[in-house]
């Protein structure tokens, strides 16, 4: 899968999780800005209710886990900011992750050997 296809798949999967969250929590989330500019060992970052940043290198090398773990992890942060007005990895974020049926672990264990620094 080339970078363009990978980005499209990640955007598509983010949309699937957002749609699920909107139904599950009866909320509306405005379209997100999704960027692929993270480097180093951070897999993803959510910014408030409007932006998610992904690490394309980690996604490419850990695709299935990234799709099934990192994307819902970051969407849960967006939902938490929207519903509860806060962020982090506390009890409300964990409740959202359980609702998504994804283990609420804070950090990933992806192999990042050969990662780009930055």
C-alpha atoms as a PDB file:
ATOM      1  CA  UNK A   1       0.000   0.000   0.000  1.00  0.00           C
ATOM      2  CA  UNK A   2       1.498   3.339  -1.004  1.00  0.00           C
ATOM      3  CA  UNK A   3       1.362   6.468   1.186  1.00  0.00           C
ATOM      4  CA  UNK A   4      -1.673   7.925  -0.593  1.00  0.00           C
ATOM      5  CA  UNK A   5      -3.669   4.708  -0.184  1.00  0.00           C
ATOM      6  CA  UNK A   6      -2.570   4.429   3.437  1.00  0.00           C
ATOM      7  CA  UNK A   7      -3.685   7.987   4.201  1.00  0.00           C
ATOM      8  CA  UNK A   8      -7.027   7.393   2.491  1.00  0.00           C
ATOM      9  CA  UNK A   9      -7.590   4.219   4.529  1.00  0.00           C
ATOM     10  CA  UNK A  10      -6.701   6.023   7.772  1.00  0.00           C
ATOM     11  CA  UNK A  11      -9.065   8.896   6.959  1.00  0.00           C
ATOM     12  CA  UNK A  12     -11.807   6.400   6.092  1.00  0.00           C
ATOM     13  CA  UNK A  13     -11.327   4.489   9.350  1.00  0.00           C
ATOM     14  CA  UNK A  14     -11.262   7.709  11.364  1.00  0.00           C
ATOM     15  CA  UNK A  15     -14.605   8.610   9.774  1.00  0.00           C
ATOM     16  CA  UNK A  16     -16.027   5.202  10.708  1.00  0.00           C
ATOM     17  CA  UNK A  17     -15.066   5.725  14.364  1.00  0.00           C
ATOM     18  CA  UNK A  18     -16.383   9.297  14.346  1.00  0.00           C
ATOM     19  CA  UNK A  19     -19.700   8.119  12.918  1.00  0.00           C
ATOM     20  CA  UNK A  20     -19.940   5.400  15.571  1.00  0.00           C
ATOM     21  CA  UNK A  21     -19.162   7.938  18.296  1.00  0.00           C
ATOM     22  CA  UNK A  22     -21.786  10.370  17.027  1.00  0.00           C
ATOM     23  CA  UNK A  23     -24.425   7.635  17.145  1.00  0.00           C
ATOM     24  CA  UNK A  24     -23.275   6.179  20.462  1.00  0.00           C
ATOM     25  CA  UNK A  25     -23.038   9.520  22.279  1.00  0.00           C
ATOM     26  CA  UNK A  26     -25.753  11.385  20.356  1.00  0.00           C
ATOM     27  CA  UNK A  27     -23.357  14.171  19.379  1.00  0.00           C
ATOM     28  CA  UNK A  28     -22.262  15.976  16.236  1.00  0.00           C
ATOM     29  CA  UNK A  29     -18.572  16.276  15.507  1.00  0.00           C
ATOM     30  CA  UNK A  30     -17.607  18.745  12.813  1.00  0.00           C
ATOM     31  CA  UNK A  31     -15.269  17.491  10.081  1.00  0.00           C
ATOM     32  CA  UNK A  32     -11.787  16.962  11.470  1.00  0.00           C
ATOM     33  CA  UNK A  33      -8.506  18.163  10.115  1.00  0.00           C
ATOM     34  CA  UNK A  34      -6.400  15.019   9.746  1.00  0.00           C
ATOM     35  CA  UNK A  35      -2.685  15.448   9.171  1.00  0.00           C
ATOM     36  CA  UNK A  36       0.156  12.968   8.842  1.00  0.00           C
ATOM     37  CA  UNK A  37       3.002  15.041  10.213  1.00  0.00           C
ATOM     38  CA  UNK A  38       4.010  13.205  13.395  1.00  0.00           C
ATOM     39  CA  UNK A  39       7.475  11.697  13.505  1.00  0.00           C
ATOM     40  CA  UNK A  40       9.441   9.875  16.163  1.00  0.00           C
ATOM     41  CA  UNK A  41       7.725   7.411  18.492  1.00  0.00           C
ATOM     42  CA  UNK A  42       4.362   9.179  18.940  1.00  0.00           C
ATOM     43  CA  UNK A  43       1.675   7.307  16.979  1.00  0.00           C
ATOM     44  CA  UNK A  44      -1.109   9.872  17.161  1.00  0.00           C
ATOM     45  CA  UNK A  45      -2.318  13.069  18.816  1.00  0.00           C
ATOM     46  CA  UNK A  46      -5.766  14.592  19.127  1.00  0.00           C
ATOM     47  CA  UNK A  47      -6.183  18.364  19.368  1.00  0.00           C
ATOM     48  CA  UNK A  48      -9.411  19.453  21.020  1.00  0.00           C
ATOM     49  CA  UNK A  49     -12.437  18.605  18.921  1.00  0.00           C
ATOM     50  CA  UNK A  50     -10.986  19.556  15.568  1.00  0.00           C
ATOM     51  CA  UNK A  51      -7.718  17.846  14.636  1.00  0.00           C
ATOM     52  CA  UNK A  52      -5.923  14.503  14.692  1.00  0.00           C
ATOM     53  CA  UNK A  53      -2.272  14.051  13.833  1.00  0.00           C
ATOM     54  CA  UNK A  54      -0.965  10.633  12.784  1.00  0.00           C
ATOM     55  CA  UNK A  55       2.504   9.156  12.338  1.00  0.00           C
ATOM     56  CA  UNK A  56       2.517   7.654   8.853  1.00  0.00           C
ATOM     57  CA  UNK A  57       5.755   5.728   9.441  1.00  0.00           C
ATOM     58  CA  UNK A  58       4.315   3.902  12.470  1.00  0.00           C
ATOM     59  CA  UNK A  59       0.990   3.330  10.695  1.00  0.00           C
ATOM     60  CA  UNK A  60       2.727   1.849   7.662  1.00  0.00           C
ATOM     61  CA  UNK A  61       4.791  -0.560   9.773  1.00  0.00           C
ATOM     62  CA  UNK A  62       1.987  -1.554  12.173  1.00  0.00           C
ATOM     63  CA  UNK A  63      -1.059  -1.173   9.943  1.00  0.00           C
ATOM     64  CA  UNK A  64      -3.628  -3.541  11.473  1.00  0.00           C
ATOM     65  CA  UNK A  65      -2.822  -2.548  15.053  1.00  0.00           C
ATOM     66  CA  UNK A  66      -2.801   1.123  14.110  1.00  0.00           C
ATOM     67  CA  UNK A  67      -6.238   0.886  12.487  1.00  0.00           C
ATOM     68  CA  UNK A  68      -7.700  -1.113  15.378  1.00  0.00           C
ATOM     69  CA  UNK A  69      -6.040   0.667  18.286  1.00  0.00           C
ATOM     70  CA  UNK A  70      -4.518   4.065  17.529  1.00  0.00           C
ATOM     71  CA  UNK A  71      -7.346   5.471  15.446  1.00  0.00           C
ATOM     72  CA  UNK A  72     -10.084   4.702  18.035  1.00  0.00           C
ATOM     73  CA  UNK A  73      -7.699   5.936  20.762  1.00  0.00           C
ATOM     74  CA  UNK A  74      -7.418   9.353  19.112  1.00  0.00           C
ATOM     75  CA  UNK A  75     -11.124   9.514  18.231  1.00  0.00           C
ATOM     76  CA  UNK A  76     -11.898   8.799  21.905  1.00  0.00           C
ATOM     77  CA  UNK A  77      -9.912  11.940  22.795  1.00  0.00           C
ATOM     78  CA  UNK A  78     -11.997  13.974  20.329  1.00  0.00           C
ATOM     79  CA  UNK A  79     -15.206  12.554  21.826  1.00  0.00           C
ATOM     80  CA  UNK A  80     -14.014  13.225  25.364  1.00  0.00           C
ATOM     81  CA  UNK A  81     -13.274  16.854  24.499  1.00  0.00           C
ATOM     82  CA  UNK A  82     -16.687  17.215  22.851  1.00  0.00           C
ATOM     83  CA  UNK A  83     -18.762  15.472  25.539  1.00  0.00           C
ATOM     84  CA  UNK A  84     -16.838  16.255  28.723  1.00  0.00           C
ATOM     85  CA  UNK A  85     -14.782  19.306  27.763  1.00  0.00           C
ATOM     86  CA  UNK A  86     -11.490  17.737  28.767  1.00  0.00           C
ATOM     87  CA  UNK A  87      -8.733  15.454  27.561  1.00  0.00           C
ATOM     88  CA  UNK A  88      -6.230  12.968  28.849  1.00  0.00           C
ATOM     89  CA  UNK A  89      -6.359   9.291  29.657  1.00  0.00           C
ATOM     90  CA  UNK A  90      -8.644   9.459  32.698  1.00  0.00           C
ATOM     91  CA  UNK A  91     -11.874   7.713  33.567  1.00  0.00           C
ATOM     92  CA  UNK A  92     -14.052   9.429  30.961  1.00  0.00           C
ATOM     93  CA  UNK A  93     -11.618   8.586  28.149  1.00  0.00           C
ATOM     94  CA  UNK A  94     -11.486   4.994  29.401  1.00  0.00           C
ATOM     95  CA  UNK A  95     -15.300   4.806  29.415  1.00  0.00           C
ATOM     96  CA  UNK A  96     -15.330   5.913  25.772  1.00  0.00           C
ATOM     97  CA  UNK A  97     -12.716   3.316  24.863  1.00  0.00           C
ATOM     98  CA  UNK A  98     -14.747   0.592  26.607  1.00  0.00           C
ATOM     99  CA  UNK A  99     -17.817   1.778  24.701  1.00  0.00           C
ATOM    100  CA  UNK A 100     -15.738   1.339  21.524  1.00  0.00           C
ATOM    101  CA  UNK A 101     -14.766  -2.146  22.797  1.00  0.00           C
ATOM    102  CA  UNK A 102     -11.081  -1.248  22.594  1.00  0.00           C
ATOM    103  CA  UNK A 103      -8.659  -1.779  25.483  1.00  0.00           C
ATOM    104  CA  UNK A 104      -7.955   1.674  27.002  1.00  0.00           C
ATOM    105  CA  UNK A 105      -4.174   1.583  27.075  1.00  0.00           C
ATOM    106  CA  UNK A 106      -2.351   4.875  27.179  1.00  0.00           C
ATOM    107  CA  UNK A 107       0.804   4.014  25.231  1.00  0.00           C
ATOM    108  CA  UNK A 108       1.475   1.815  22.243  1.00  0.00           C
ATOM    109  CA  UNK A 109       4.070  -0.924  22.005  1.00  0.00           C
ATOM    110  CA  UNK A 110       4.785  -0.651  18.290  1.00  0.00           C
ATOM    111  CA  UNK A 111       8.208  -1.463  16.958  1.00  0.00           C
ATOM    112  CA  UNK A 112       9.555   1.939  16.018  1.00  0.00           C
ATOM    113  CA  UNK A 113      13.057   0.785  15.086  1.00  0.00           C
ATOM    114  CA  UNK A 114      14.166   2.675  12.042  1.00  0.00           C
ATOM    115  CA  UNK A 115      11.741   5.479  12.886  1.00  0.00           C
ATOM    116  CA  UNK A 116      12.205   8.963  11.608  1.00  0.00           C
ATOM    117  CA  UNK A 117      13.114  11.354  14.397  1.00  0.00           C
ATOM    118  CA  UNK A 118      11.611  14.701  14.865  1.00  0.00           C
END
